[in-house]
């Protein structure tokens, strides 16, 4: 079975950006433990949630005093998102 021109182009771009796939034997040694992965990857998500809250309030302040009524429901939604992120 031959790949179409488009599929070959996609494979080429993916290999160029990401690299060749790891062999199964090597892949098992490349994994992070759950504790290390949590420490490394969760800080980015937590900072994004904190940044989103600040930006949300900035937009609501610029929109005017009537829009500030949305700050509590949106803050609760972000708190729920942060809780889901922590549990996962």
C-alpha atoms as a PDB file:
ATOM      1  CA  UNK A   1       0.000   0.000   0.000  1.00  0.00           C
ATOM      2  CA  UNK A   2       1.498   3.339  -0.988  1.00  0.00           C
ATOM      3  CA  UNK A   3       0.933   6.631   0.753  1.00  0.00           C
ATOM      4  CA  UNK A   4      -0.585   9.541  -1.097  1.00  0.00           C
ATOM      5  CA  UNK A   5       1.453  12.695  -1.663  1.00  0.00           C
ATOM      6  CA  UNK A   6      -0.464  14.446   1.101  1.00  0.00           C
ATOM      7  CA  UNK A   7       0.100  11.620   3.604  1.00  0.00           C
ATOM      8  CA  UNK A   8       3.822  11.505   2.797  1.00  0.00           C
ATOM      9  CA  UNK A   9       4.032  15.264   3.301  1.00  0.00           C
ATOM     10  CA  UNK A  10       2.293  14.965   6.653  1.00  0.00           C
ATOM     11  CA  UNK A  11       4.646  12.178   7.752  1.00  0.00           C
ATOM     12  CA  UNK A  12       7.662  14.235   6.651  1.00  0.00           C
ATOM     13  CA  UNK A  13       6.518  17.342   8.549  1.00  0.00           C
ATOM     14  CA  UNK A  14       5.698  15.312  11.664  1.00  0.00           C
ATOM     15  CA  UNK A  15       9.073  13.579  11.594  1.00  0.00           C
ATOM     16  CA  UNK A  16      10.822  16.904  11.040  1.00  0.00           C
ATOM     17  CA  UNK A  17       9.020  18.593  13.961  1.00  0.00           C
ATOM     18  CA  UNK A  18       8.860  15.719  16.448  1.00  0.00           C
ATOM     19  CA  UNK A  19      11.513  13.260  15.257  1.00  0.00           C
ATOM     20  CA  UNK A  20      11.416   9.554  14.647  1.00  0.00           C
ATOM     21  CA  UNK A  21       9.307   7.436  16.999  1.00  0.00           C
ATOM     22  CA  UNK A  22      11.089   5.759  19.894  1.00  0.00           C
ATOM     23  CA  UNK A  23      11.482   2.020  19.852  1.00  0.00           C
ATOM     24  CA  UNK A  24       9.251   0.283  22.383  1.00  0.00           C
ATOM     25  CA  UNK A  25      12.282  -0.855  24.389  1.00  0.00           C
ATOM     26  CA  UNK A  26      13.584   2.722  24.703  1.00  0.00           C
ATOM     27  CA  UNK A  27      10.162   4.243  25.368  1.00  0.00           C
ATOM     28  CA  UNK A  28       9.798   2.506  28.719  1.00  0.00           C
ATOM     29  CA  UNK A  29      13.014   4.161  29.981  1.00  0.00           C
ATOM     30  CA  UNK A  30      11.929   7.615  28.785  1.00  0.00           C
ATOM     31  CA  UNK A  31       8.867   7.901  31.010  1.00  0.00           C
ATOM     32  CA  UNK A  32       8.620  10.098  34.089  1.00  0.00           C
ATOM     33  CA  UNK A  33       7.312   8.812  37.383  1.00  0.00           C
ATOM     34  CA  UNK A  34       3.929  10.186  38.413  1.00  0.00           C
ATOM     35  CA  UNK A  35       5.432  12.332  41.188  1.00  0.00           C
ATOM     36  CA  UNK A  36       8.066  13.880  38.906  1.00  0.00           C
ATOM     37  CA  UNK A  37       5.574  14.386  36.073  1.00  0.00           C
ATOM     38  CA  UNK A  38       3.120  16.103  38.424  1.00  0.00           C
ATOM     39  CA  UNK A  39       5.807  18.471  39.687  1.00  0.00           C
ATOM     40  CA  UNK A  40       7.073  19.255  36.185  1.00  0.00           C
ATOM     41  CA  UNK A  41       3.850  19.581  34.217  1.00  0.00           C
ATOM     42  CA  UNK A  42       1.272  20.861  36.728  1.00  0.00           C
ATOM     43  CA  UNK A  43       3.051  24.145  37.408  1.00  0.00           C
ATOM     44  CA  UNK A  44       2.339  25.284  33.849  1.00  0.00           C
ATOM     45  CA  UNK A  45      -1.362  24.520  34.147  1.00  0.00           C
ATOM     46  CA  UNK A  46      -1.605  26.198  37.563  1.00  0.00           C
ATOM     47  CA  UNK A  47       0.078  29.360  36.322  1.00  0.00           C
ATOM     48  CA  UNK A  48      -2.239  29.420  33.298  1.00  0.00           C
ATOM     49  CA  UNK A  49      -5.301  29.230  35.552  1.00  0.00           C
ATOM     50  CA  UNK A  50      -3.967  32.041  37.745  1.00  0.00           C
ATOM     51  CA  UNK A  51      -3.185  34.183  34.696  1.00  0.00           C
ATOM     52  CA  UNK A  52      -6.674  33.534  33.290  1.00  0.00           C
ATOM     53  CA  UNK A  53      -8.294  34.801  36.492  1.00  0.00           C
ATOM     54  CA  UNK A  54      -6.305  38.020  36.402  1.00  0.00           C
ATOM     55  CA  UNK A  55      -7.123  38.624  32.740  1.00  0.00           C
ATOM     56  CA  UNK A  56     -10.801  37.856  33.308  1.00  0.00           C
ATOM     57  CA  UNK A  57     -11.034  40.489  36.025  1.00  0.00           C
ATOM     58  CA  UNK A  58      -9.150  43.012  33.879  1.00  0.00           C
ATOM     59  CA  UNK A  59     -11.627  42.580  31.030  1.00  0.00           C
ATOM     60  CA  UNK A  60     -14.577  42.864  33.408  1.00  0.00           C
ATOM     61  CA  UNK A  61     -13.184  46.095  34.904  1.00  0.00           C
ATOM     62  CA  UNK A  62     -12.726  47.537  31.424  1.00  0.00           C
ATOM     63  CA  UNK A  63     -16.283  46.497  30.504  1.00  0.00           C
ATOM     64  CA  UNK A  64     -17.704  48.538  33.345  1.00  0.00           C
ATOM     65  CA  UNK A  65     -19.296  48.140  36.731  1.00  0.00           C
ATOM     66  CA  UNK A  66     -22.300  46.166  35.446  1.00  0.00           C
ATOM     67  CA  UNK A  67     -19.983  43.469  34.065  1.00  0.00           C
ATOM     68  CA  UNK A  68     -18.299  43.018  37.456  1.00  0.00           C
ATOM     69  CA  UNK A  69     -21.340  40.979  38.510  1.00  0.00           C
ATOM     70  CA  UNK A  70     -19.916  38.190  36.346  1.00  0.00           C
ATOM     71  CA  UNK A  71     -16.712  38.055  38.378  1.00  0.00           C
ATOM     72  CA  UNK A  72     -18.084  35.734  41.088  1.00  0.00           C
ATOM     73  CA  UNK A  73     -19.626  33.126  38.729  1.00  0.00           C
ATOM     74  CA  UNK A  74     -16.524  33.138  36.539  1.00  0.00           C
ATOM     75  CA  UNK A  75     -14.244  32.891  39.569  1.00  0.00           C
ATOM     76  CA  UNK A  76     -16.239  29.891  40.789  1.00  0.00           C
ATOM     77  CA  UNK A  77     -15.912  28.270  37.354  1.00  0.00           C
ATOM     78  CA  UNK A  78     -12.142  28.816  37.418  1.00  0.00           C
ATOM     79  CA  UNK A  79     -11.980  27.424  40.970  1.00  0.00           C
ATOM     80  CA  UNK A  80     -13.861  24.342  39.772  1.00  0.00           C
ATOM     81  CA  UNK A  81     -11.417  24.022  36.868  1.00  0.00           C
ATOM     82  CA  UNK A  82      -8.495  24.290  39.275  1.00  0.00           C
ATOM     83  CA  UNK A  83     -10.055  21.587  41.477  1.00  0.00           C
ATOM     84  CA  UNK A  84     -10.490  19.271  38.493  1.00  0.00           C
ATOM     85  CA  UNK A  85      -6.909  19.937  37.496  1.00  0.00           C
ATOM     86  CA  UNK A  86      -5.660  19.136  40.996  1.00  0.00           C
ATOM     87  CA  UNK A  87      -7.647  15.906  41.247  1.00  0.00           C
ATOM     88  CA  UNK A  88      -6.579  14.707  37.823  1.00  0.00           C
END
